[in-house]
């Protein structure tokens, strides 16, 4: 019975993260959209830790998504070079 409860809560959490990711507005080209792991990490950093401020956590996430978008752009550009 405990296993069913655990699986149900895990599926509910995943559905919540997927709904949050789907509800975000379309991203610009300089950032990747929020992914499920990124949202989970942001929630964990904000709720579970007291060492960082919310502003610092969001700034780090913004930097990371911009860095990933740049890496994706370079990868696609190199991949399609003749």
PDB file of N, CA and C in Angstrom:
ATOM      1  N   UNK A   1       0.807  -1.182   0.000  1.00  0.00           N
ATOM      2  CA  UNK A   1       0.000   0.000   0.000  1.00  0.00           C
ATOM      3  C   UNK A   1       0.861   1.261   0.000  1.00  0.00           C
ATOM      4  N   UNK A   2       1.952   1.243   0.735  1.00  0.00           N
ATOM      5  CA  UNK A   2       2.833   2.407   0.785  1.00  0.00           C
ATOM      6  C   UNK A   2       3.461   2.665  -0.576  1.00  0.00           C
ATOM      7  N   UNK A   3       3.763   1.608  -1.310  1.00  0.00           N
ATOM      8  CA  UNK A   3       4.356   1.767  -2.646  1.00  0.00           C
ATOM      9  C   UNK A   3       3.373   2.486  -3.563  1.00  0.00           C
ATOM     10  N   UNK A   4       2.109   2.141  -3.499  1.00  0.00           N
ATOM     11  CA  UNK A   4       1.093   2.794  -4.331  1.00  0.00           C
ATOM     12  C   UNK A   4       0.979   4.278  -3.988  1.00  0.00           C
ATOM     13  N   UNK A   5       1.041   4.583  -2.710  1.00  0.00           N
ATOM     14  CA  UNK A   5       0.983   5.977  -2.278  1.00  0.00           C
ATOM     15  C   UNK A   5       2.196   6.744  -2.814  1.00  0.00           C
ATOM     16  N   UNK A   6       3.358   6.146  -2.719  1.00  0.00           N
ATOM     17  CA  UNK A   6       4.582   6.782  -3.195  1.00  0.00           C
ATOM     18  C   UNK A   6       4.515   7.020  -4.705  1.00  0.00           C
ATOM     19  N   UNK A   7       4.119   6.017  -5.452  1.00  0.00           N
ATOM     20  CA  UNK A   7       4.036   6.152  -6.910  1.00  0.00           C
ATOM     21  C   UNK A   7       2.989   7.196  -7.292  1.00  0.00           C
ATOM     22  N   UNK A   8       1.871   7.215  -6.609  1.00  0.00           N
ATOM     23  CA  UNK A   8       0.827   8.203  -6.886  1.00  0.00           C
ATOM     24  C   UNK A   8       1.337   9.622  -6.637  1.00  0.00           C
ATOM     25  N   UNK A   9       2.035   9.838  -5.523  1.00  0.00           N
ATOM     26  CA  UNK A   9       2.581  11.161  -5.239  1.00  0.00           C
ATOM     27  C   UNK A   9       3.666  11.561  -6.238  1.00  0.00           C
ATOM     28  N   UNK A  10       4.494  10.606  -6.636  1.00  0.00           N
ATOM     29  CA  UNK A  10       5.532  10.901  -7.626  1.00  0.00           C
ATOM     30  C   UNK A  10       4.913  11.274  -8.969  1.00  0.00           C
ATOM     31  N   UNK A  11       3.871  10.558  -9.361  1.00  0.00           N
ATOM     32  CA  UNK A  11       3.202  10.882 -10.627  1.00  0.00           C
ATOM     33  C   UNK A  11       2.498  12.230 -10.552  1.00  0.00           C
ATOM     34  N   UNK A  12       1.925  12.550  -9.410  1.00  0.00           N
ATOM     35  CA  UNK A  12       1.283  13.844  -9.221  1.00  0.00           C
ATOM     36  C   UNK A  12       2.310  14.972  -9.297  1.00  0.00           C
ATOM     37  N   UNK A  13       3.459  14.769  -8.688  1.00  0.00           N
ATOM     38  CA  UNK A  13       4.527  15.775  -8.741  1.00  0.00           C
ATOM     39  C   UNK A  13       5.013  15.973 -10.170  1.00  0.00           C
ATOM     40  N   UNK A  14       5.188  14.893 -10.919  1.00  0.00           N
ATOM     41  CA  UNK A  14       5.613  15.003 -12.308  1.00  0.00           C
ATOM     42  C   UNK A  14       4.567  15.712 -13.154  1.00  0.00           C
ATOM     43  N   UNK A  15       3.301  15.419 -12.904  1.00  0.00           N
ATOM     44  CA  UNK A  15       2.230  16.094 -13.642  1.00  0.00           C
ATOM     45  C   UNK A  15       2.217  17.587 -13.329  1.00  0.00           C
ATOM     46  N   UNK A  16       2.453  17.956 -12.078  1.00  0.00           N
ATOM     47  CA  UNK A  16       2.511  19.367 -11.703  1.00  0.00           C
ATOM     48  C   UNK A  16       3.671  20.064 -12.407  1.00  0.00           C
ATOM     49  N   UNK A  17       4.842  19.437 -12.426  1.00  0.00           N
ATOM     50  CA  UNK A  17       5.996  20.028 -13.108  1.00  0.00           C
ATOM     51  C   UNK A  17       5.745  20.159 -14.608  1.00  0.00           C
ATOM     52  N   UNK A  18       5.111  19.158 -15.204  1.00  0.00           N
ATOM     53  CA  UNK A  18       4.809  19.218 -16.634  1.00  0.00           C
ATOM     54  C   UNK A  18       3.814  20.331 -16.936  1.00  0.00           C
ATOM     55  N   UNK A  19       2.839  20.527 -16.054  1.00  0.00           N
ATOM     56  CA  UNK A  19       1.871  21.606 -16.256  1.00  0.00           C
ATOM     57  C   UNK A  19       2.536  22.968 -16.139  1.00  0.00           C
ATOM     58  N   UNK A  20       3.450  23.117 -15.188  1.00  0.00           N
ATOM     59  CA  UNK A  20       4.181  24.381 -15.051  1.00  0.00           C
ATOM     60  C   UNK A  20       5.033  24.640 -16.289  1.00  0.00           C
ATOM     61  N   UNK A  21       5.716  23.606 -16.788  1.00  0.00           N
ATOM     62  CA  UNK A  21       6.559  23.771 -17.976  1.00  0.00           C
ATOM     63  C   UNK A  21       5.723  24.099 -19.206  1.00  0.00           C
ATOM     64  N   UNK A  22       4.546  23.503 -19.328  1.00  0.00           N
ATOM     65  CA  UNK A  22       3.701  23.742 -20.494  1.00  0.00           C
ATOM     66  C   UNK A  22       3.039  25.115 -20.447  1.00  0.00           C
ATOM     67  N   UNK A  23       2.837  25.661 -19.264  1.00  0.00           N
ATOM     68  CA  UNK A  23       2.132  26.935 -19.120  1.00  0.00           C
ATOM     69  C   UNK A  23       3.030  28.148 -19.313  1.00  0.00           C
ATOM     70  N   UNK A  24       4.331  27.935 -19.414  1.00  0.00           N
ATOM     71  CA  UNK A  24       5.217  29.092 -19.552  1.00  0.00           C
ATOM     72  C   UNK A  24       5.111  29.702 -20.945  1.00  0.00           C
ATOM     73  N   UNK A  25       5.306  31.003 -21.051  1.00  0.00           N
ATOM     74  CA  UNK A  25       5.230  31.649 -22.366  1.00  0.00           C
ATOM     75  C   UNK A  25       6.387  31.196 -23.246  1.00  0.00           C
ATOM     76  N   UNK A  26       6.246  31.402 -24.532  1.00  0.00           N
ATOM     77  CA  UNK A  26       7.307  30.989 -25.452  1.00  0.00           C
ATOM     78  C   UNK A  26       8.577  31.765 -25.146  1.00  0.00           C
ATOM     79  N   UNK A  27       9.663  31.075 -25.224  1.00  0.00           N
ATOM     80  CA  UNK A  27      10.955  31.639 -24.865  1.00  0.00           C
ATOM     81  C   UNK A  27      11.565  32.379 -26.044  1.00  0.00           C
ATOM     82  N   UNK A  28      12.407  33.330 -25.725  1.00  0.00           N
ATOM     83  CA  UNK A  28      13.166  34.006 -26.770  1.00  0.00           C
ATOM     84  C   UNK A  28      14.333  33.115 -27.166  1.00  0.00           C
ATOM     85  N   UNK A  29      15.052  33.521 -28.178  1.00  0.00           N
ATOM     86  CA  UNK A  29      16.144  32.674 -28.666  1.00  0.00           C
ATOM     87  C   UNK A  29      17.371  32.730 -27.772  1.00  0.00           C
ATOM     88  N   UNK A  30      17.450  33.691 -26.847  1.00  0.00           N
ATOM     89  CA  UNK A  30      18.648  33.772 -26.018  1.00  0.00           C
ATOM     90  C   UNK A  30      18.568  32.918 -24.761  1.00  0.00           C
ATOM     91  N   UNK A  31      17.451  32.209 -24.545  1.00  0.00           N
ATOM     92  CA  UNK A  31      17.299  31.304 -23.402  1.00  0.00           C
ATOM     93  C   UNK A  31      16.529  30.064 -23.826  1.00  0.00           C
ATOM     94  N   UNK A  32      16.885  28.932 -23.233  1.00  0.00           N
ATOM     95  CA  UNK A  32      16.074  27.747 -23.465  1.00  0.00           C
ATOM     96  C   UNK A  32      14.869  27.830 -22.541  1.00  0.00           C
ATOM     97  N   UNK A  33      13.759  27.195 -22.879  1.00  0.00           N
ATOM     98  CA  UNK A  33      12.608  27.210 -21.969  1.00  0.00           C
ATOM     99  C   UNK A  33      12.904  26.399 -20.716  1.00  0.00           C
ATOM    100  N   UNK A  34      12.143  26.652 -19.687  1.00  0.00           N
ATOM    101  CA  UNK A  34      12.306  25.889 -18.450  1.00  0.00           C
ATOM    102  C   UNK A  34      11.952  24.429 -18.701  1.00  0.00           C
ATOM    103  N   UNK A  35      12.832  23.539 -18.280  1.00  0.00           N
ATOM    104  CA  UNK A  35      12.596  22.113 -18.419  1.00  0.00           C
ATOM    105  C   UNK A  35      12.111  21.552 -17.085  1.00  0.00           C
ATOM    106  N   UNK A  36      11.628  20.330 -17.101  1.00  0.00           N
ATOM    107  CA  UNK A  36      11.160  19.701 -15.858  1.00  0.00           C
ATOM    108  C   UNK A  36      12.274  19.625 -14.807  1.00  0.00           C
ATOM    109  N   UNK A  37      13.484  19.169 -15.166  1.00  0.00           N
ATOM    110  CA  UNK A  37      14.534  19.137 -14.143  1.00  0.00           C
ATOM    111  C   UNK A  37      14.908  20.528 -13.621  1.00  0.00           C
ATOM    112  N   UNK A  38      14.875  21.531 -14.507  1.00  0.00           N
ATOM    113  CA  UNK A  38      15.202  22.891 -14.080  1.00  0.00           C
ATOM    114  C   UNK A  38      14.156  23.411 -13.097  1.00  0.00           C
ATOM    115  N   UNK A  39      12.878  23.165 -13.368  1.00  0.00           N
ATOM    116  CA  UNK A  39      11.816  23.599 -12.465  1.00  0.00           C
ATOM    117  C   UNK A  39      11.937  22.871 -11.126  1.00  0.00           C
ATOM    118  N   UNK A  40      12.221  21.577 -11.175  1.00  0.00           N
ATOM    119  CA  UNK A  40      12.382  20.795  -9.939  1.00  0.00           C
ATOM    120  C   UNK A  40      13.551  21.335  -9.122  1.00  0.00           C
ATOM    121  N   UNK A  41      14.645  21.646  -9.786  1.00  0.00           N
ATOM    122  CA  UNK A  41      15.816  22.167  -9.097  1.00  0.00           C
ATOM    123  C   UNK A  41      15.543  23.551  -8.506  1.00  0.00           C
ATOM    124  N   UNK A  42      14.813  24.393  -9.232  1.00  0.00           N
ATOM    125  CA  UNK A  42      14.464  25.709  -8.712  1.00  0.00           C
ATOM    126  C   UNK A  42      13.576  25.596  -7.474  1.00  0.00           C
ATOM    127  N   UNK A  43      12.565  24.736  -7.547  1.00  0.00           N
ATOM    128  CA  UNK A  43      11.678  24.560  -6.393  1.00  0.00           C
ATOM    129  C   UNK A  43      12.435  24.018  -5.188  1.00  0.00           C
ATOM    130  N   UNK A  44      13.316  23.063  -5.423  1.00  0.00           N
ATOM    131  CA  UNK A  44      14.099  22.497  -4.322  1.00  0.00           C
ATOM    132  C   UNK A  44      15.037  23.546  -3.726  1.00  0.00           C
ATOM    133  N   UNK A  45      15.652  24.355  -4.571  1.00  0.00           N
ATOM    134  CA  UNK A  45      16.574  25.377  -4.072  1.00  0.00           C
ATOM    135  C   UNK A  45      15.831  26.452  -3.284  1.00  0.00           C
ATOM    136  N   UNK A  46      14.636  26.788  -3.719  1.00  0.00           N
ATOM    137  CA  UNK A  46      13.883  27.838  -3.032  1.00  0.00           C
ATOM    138  C   UNK A  46      13.265  27.317  -1.731  1.00  0.00           C
ATOM    139  N   UNK A  47      12.721  26.106  -1.777  1.00  0.00           N
ATOM    140  CA  UNK A  47      11.987  25.587  -0.617  1.00  0.00           C
ATOM    141  C   UNK A  47      12.906  24.947   0.420  1.00  0.00           C
ATOM    142  N   UNK A  48      13.887  24.175  -0.030  1.00  0.00           N
ATOM    143  CA  UNK A  48      14.660  23.357   0.900  1.00  0.00           C
ATOM    144  C   UNK A  48      15.911  24.016   1.450  1.00  0.00           C
ATOM    145  N   UNK A  49      16.434  25.029   0.792  1.00  0.00           N
ATOM    146  CA  UNK A  49      17.665  25.644   1.278  1.00  0.00           C
ATOM    147  C   UNK A  49      17.387  27.057   1.769  1.00  0.00           C
ATOM    148  N   UNK A  50      18.154  27.454   2.741  1.00  0.00           N
ATOM    149  CA  UNK A  50      18.039  28.815   3.254  1.00  0.00           C
ATOM    150  C   UNK A  50      19.322  29.608   3.030  1.00  0.00           C
ATOM    151  N   UNK A  51      20.298  28.993   2.372  1.00  0.00           N
ATOM    152  CA  UNK A  51      21.578  29.667   2.192  1.00  0.00           C
ATOM    153  C   UNK A  51      21.564  30.657   1.034  1.00  0.00           C
ATOM    154  N   UNK A  52      20.683  30.460   0.056  1.00  0.00           N
ATOM    155  CA  UNK A  52      20.627  31.339  -1.099  1.00  0.00           C
ATOM    156  C   UNK A  52      19.305  32.104  -1.103  1.00  0.00           C
ATOM    157  N   UNK A  53      19.358  33.316  -1.603  1.00  0.00           N
ATOM    158  CA  UNK A  53      18.127  34.080  -1.738  1.00  0.00           C
ATOM    159  C   UNK A  53      17.408  33.656  -3.010  1.00  0.00           C
ATOM    160  N   UNK A  54      16.141  33.966  -3.095  1.00  0.00           N
ATOM    161  CA  UNK A  54      15.363  33.628  -4.287  1.00  0.00           C
ATOM    162  C   UNK A  54      15.929  34.344  -5.501  1.00  0.00           C
ATOM    163  N   UNK A  55      16.358  35.579  -5.321  1.00  0.00           N
ATOM    164  CA  UNK A  55      16.946  36.345  -6.419  1.00  0.00           C
ATOM    165  C   UNK A  55      18.201  35.665  -6.951  1.00  0.00           C
ATOM    166  N   UNK A  56      19.050  35.174  -6.057  1.00  0.00           N
ATOM    167  CA  UNK A  56      20.277  34.506  -6.484  1.00  0.00           C
ATOM    168  C   UNK A  56      19.961  33.209  -7.231  1.00  0.00           C
ATOM    169  N   UNK A  57      18.985  32.466  -6.754  1.00  0.00           N
ATOM    170  CA  UNK A  57      18.612  31.210  -7.411  1.00  0.00           C
ATOM    171  C   UNK A  57      18.059  31.480  -8.806  1.00  0.00           C
ATOM    172  N   UNK A  58      17.184  32.477  -8.935  1.00  0.00           N
ATOM    173  CA  UNK A  58      16.625  32.808 -10.247  1.00  0.00           C
ATOM    174  C   UNK A  58      17.682  33.377 -11.187  1.00  0.00           C
ATOM    175  N   UNK A  59      18.610  34.163 -10.666  1.00  0.00           N
ATOM    176  CA  UNK A  59      19.698  34.692 -11.492  1.00  0.00           C
ATOM    177  C   UNK A  59      20.585  33.561 -12.010  1.00  0.00           C
ATOM    178  N   UNK A  60      20.879  32.575 -11.139  1.00  0.00           N
ATOM    179  CA  UNK A  60      21.684  31.437 -11.562  1.00  0.00           C
ATOM    180  C   UNK A  60      20.954  30.641 -12.651  1.00  0.00           C
ATOM    181  N   UNK A  61      19.647  30.436 -12.479  1.00  0.00           N
ATOM    182  CA  UNK A  61      18.873  29.701 -13.475  1.00  0.00           C
ATOM    183  C   UNK A  61      18.855  30.433 -14.812  1.00  0.00           C
ATOM    184  N   UNK A  62      18.702  31.756 -14.760  1.00  0.00           N
ATOM    185  CA  UNK A  62      18.710  32.549 -15.987  1.00  0.00           C
ATOM    186  C   UNK A  62      20.048  32.439 -16.698  1.00  0.00           C
ATOM    187  N   UNK A  63      21.152  32.538 -15.925  1.00  0.00           N
ATOM    188  CA  UNK A  63      22.482  32.406 -16.526  1.00  0.00           C
ATOM    189  C   UNK A  63      22.645  31.025 -17.154  1.00  0.00           C
ATOM    190  N   UNK A  64      22.224  30.005 -16.458  1.00  0.00           N
ATOM    191  CA  UNK A  64      22.371  28.632 -16.957  1.00  0.00           C
ATOM    192  C   UNK A  64      21.586  28.417 -18.247  1.00  0.00           C
ATOM    193  N   UNK A  65      20.348  28.931 -18.307  1.00  0.00           N
ATOM    194  CA  UNK A  65      19.533  28.757 -19.510  1.00  0.00           C
ATOM    195  C   UNK A  65      20.094  29.548 -20.689  1.00  0.00           C
ATOM    196  N   UNK A  66      20.671  30.739 -20.429  1.00  0.00           N
ATOM    197  CA  UNK A  66      21.319  31.489 -21.513  1.00  0.00           C
ATOM    198  C   UNK A  66      22.551  30.744 -22.011  1.00  0.00           C
ATOM    199  N   UNK A  67      23.336  30.181 -21.087  1.00  0.00           N
ATOM    200  CA  UNK A  67      24.529  29.418 -21.455  1.00  0.00           C
ATOM    201  C   UNK A  67      24.145  28.183 -22.277  1.00  0.00           C
ATOM    202  N   UNK A  68      23.090  27.485 -21.876  1.00  0.00           N
ATOM    203  CA  UNK A  68      22.640  26.310 -22.615  1.00  0.00           C
ATOM    204  C   UNK A  68      22.133  26.687 -24.007  1.00  0.00           C
ATOM    205  N   UNK A  69      21.461  27.836 -24.117  1.00  0.00           N
ATOM    206  CA  UNK A  69      20.978  28.281 -25.428  1.00  0.00           C
ATOM    207  C   UNK A  69      22.155  28.595 -26.353  1.00  0.00           C
ATOM    208  N   UNK A  70      23.195  29.215 -25.813  1.00  0.00           N
ATOM    209  CA  UNK A  70      24.385  29.480 -26.622  1.00  0.00           C
ATOM    210  C   UNK A  70      25.074  28.196 -27.062  1.00  0.00           C
ATOM    211  N   UNK A  71      25.151  27.233 -26.166  1.00  0.00           N
ATOM    212  CA  UNK A  71      25.759  25.948 -26.509  1.00  0.00           C
ATOM    213  C   UNK A  71      24.935  25.225 -27.562  1.00  0.00           C
ATOM    214  N   UNK A  72      23.608  25.285 -27.446  1.00  0.00           N
ATOM    215  CA  UNK A  72      22.738  24.654 -28.435  1.00  0.00           C
ATOM    216  C   UNK A  72      22.922  25.307 -29.802  1.00  0.00           C
ATOM    217  N   UNK A  73      22.997  26.636 -29.818  1.00  0.00           N
ATOM    218  CA  UNK A  73      23.175  27.361 -31.077  1.00  0.00           C
ATOM    219  C   UNK A  73      24.487  26.961 -31.751  1.00  0.00           C
ATOM    220  N   UNK A  74      25.569  26.934 -30.977  1.00  0.00           N
ATOM    221  CA  UNK A  74      26.873  26.546 -31.543  1.00  0.00           C
ATOM    222  C   UNK A  74      26.849  25.103 -32.037  1.00  0.00           C
ATOM    223  N   UNK A  75      26.189  24.233 -31.295  1.00  0.00           N
ATOM    224  CA  UNK A  75      26.108  22.837 -31.699  1.00  0.00           C
ATOM    225  C   UNK A  75      25.352  22.686 -33.017  1.00  0.00           C
ATOM    226  N   UNK A  76      24.198  23.352 -33.125  1.00  0.00           N
ATOM    227  CA  UNK A  76      23.420  23.265 -34.355  1.00  0.00           C
ATOM    228  C   UNK A  76      24.160  23.896 -35.515  1.00  0.00           C
ATOM    229  N   UNK A  77      24.843  25.003 -35.269  1.00  0.00           N
ATOM    230  CA  UNK A  77      25.576  25.673 -36.328  1.00  0.00           C
ATOM    231  C   UNK A  77      26.706  24.778 -36.843  1.00  0.00           C
ATOM    232  N   UNK A  78      27.422  24.147 -35.947  1.00  0.00           N
ATOM    233  CA  UNK A  78      28.524  23.277 -36.355  1.00  0.00           C
ATOM    234  C   UNK A  78      27.999  22.009 -37.025  1.00  0.00           C
ATOM    235  N   UNK A  79      26.874  21.531 -36.572  1.00  0.00           N
ATOM    236  CA  UNK A  79      26.304  20.307 -37.105  1.00  0.00           C
ATOM    237  C   UNK A  79      25.861  20.474 -38.557  1.00  0.00           C
ATOM    238  N   UNK A  80      25.379  21.663 -38.921  1.00  0.00           N
ATOM    239  CA  UNK A  80      24.867  21.889 -40.258  1.00  0.00           C
ATOM    240  C   UNK A  80      25.858  22.593 -41.165  1.00  0.00           C
ATOM    241  N   UNK A  81      27.128  22.692 -40.752  1.00  0.00           N
ATOM    242  CA  UNK A  81      28.140  23.274 -41.633  1.00  0.00           C
ATOM    243  C   UNK A  81      28.431  22.317 -42.784  1.00  0.00           C
ATOM    244  N   UNK A  82      28.659  22.863 -43.985  1.00  0.00           N
ATOM    245  CA  UNK A  82      28.980  21.960 -45.114  1.00  0.00           C
ATOM    246  C   UNK A  82      30.368  21.407 -45.037  1.00  0.00           C
TER     247      UNK A  82
END
